Amino acid sequence: MIETIVNIIVGTAAFIFFSVLTWFVWETNKYISERNRLRKETGKYYDHEIHEELLRRARATQVKDKE
């Protein structure tokens, strides 16, 4: 009886652990893919350079829209 309860608890814990691990890998993969896409699009390598380039483009778009 106790062995069955322990097996259920261990199985549940393993399921939760692997679910969180899968989610983490999925989110990391999405982040890396987005970063690589932005690197190709902007021609910049470092995150702060990419951010600055995107801000510069956003400002240019806003100025163009106001005209």
Protein backbone atom coordinates (compact mmCIF):
# COMPACT_ATOMS: atom_id res chain seq x y z
CA MET A 1 0.00 0.00 0.00
CA ILE A 2 2.68 2.50 1.02
CA GLU A 3 4.81 1.45 -1.93
CA THR A 4 1.96 2.30 -4.32
CA ILE A 5 1.53 5.74 -2.76
CA VAL A 6 5.27 6.39 -2.98
CA ASN A 7 5.27 5.31 -6.65
CA ILE A 8 2.39 7.67 -7.41
CA ILE A 9 4.15 10.57 -5.65
CA VAL A 10 7.46 9.88 -7.42
CA GLY A 11 5.69 9.54 -10.78
CA THR A 12 3.85 12.83 -10.25
CA ALA A 13 7.05 14.59 -9.19
CA ALA A 14 8.89 13.23 -12.25
CA PHE A 15 6.05 14.35 -14.54
CA ILE A 16 6.11 17.87 -13.06
CA PHE A 17 9.91 18.05 -13.27
CA PHE A 18 10.02 16.98 -16.92
CA SER A 19 7.13 19.28 -17.79
CA VAL A 20 9.02 22.27 -16.34
CA LEU A 21 12.21 21.12 -18.06
CA THR A 22 10.41 20.85 -21.41
CA TRP A 23 8.88 24.30 -20.97
CA PHE A 24 12.33 25.76 -20.15
CA VAL A 25 13.90 24.19 -23.26
CA TRP A 26 10.98 25.42 -25.42
CA GLU A 27 11.28 29.02 -24.14
CA THR A 28 15.07 29.01 -24.52
CA ASN A 29 14.74 27.77 -28.09
CA LYS A 30 12.24 30.53 -28.93
CA TYR A 31 14.54 33.17 -27.37
CA ILE A 32 17.58 31.98 -29.31
CA SER A 33 15.63 31.77 -32.57
CA GLU A 34 14.30 35.32 -32.12
CA ARG A 35 17.77 36.60 -31.29
CA ASN A 36 19.27 34.93 -34.36
CA ARG A 37 16.52 36.38 -36.55
CA LEU A 38 17.21 39.87 -35.19
CA ARG A 39 20.95 39.39 -35.73
CA LYS A 40 20.35 38.59 -39.39
CA GLU A 41 17.84 41.43 -39.78
CA THR A 42 19.92 44.15 -38.11
CA GLY A 43 23.42 42.96 -38.91
CA LYS A 44 24.36 43.51 -35.26
CA TYR A 45 25.74 40.84 -32.92
CA TYR A 46 25.38 41.95 -29.31
CA ASP A 47 22.00 42.36 -27.61
CA HIS A 48 22.51 46.04 -26.75
CA GLU A 49 23.48 46.83 -30.35
CA ILE A 50 20.37 45.02 -31.62
CA HIS A 51 18.22 46.94 -29.14
CA GLU A 52 19.72 50.28 -30.19
CA GLU A 53 19.18 49.46 -33.88
CA LEU A 54 15.52 48.53 -33.26
CA LEU A 55 15.01 51.78 -31.32
CA ARG A 56 16.61 53.76 -34.14
CA ARG A 57 14.30 52.11 -36.68
CA ALA A 58 11.25 52.74 -34.50
CA ARG A 59 12.16 56.44 -34.19
CA ALA A 60 12.69 56.69 -37.94
CA THR A 61 9.28 55.11 -38.54
CA GLN A 62 7.60 57.52 -36.11
CA VAL A 63 9.19 60.53 -37.80
CA LYS A 64 8.13 59.20 -41.20
CA ASP A 65 4.55 58.69 -39.97
CA LYS A 66 4.34 62.26 -38.64
CA GLU A 67 5.30 63.73 -41.99
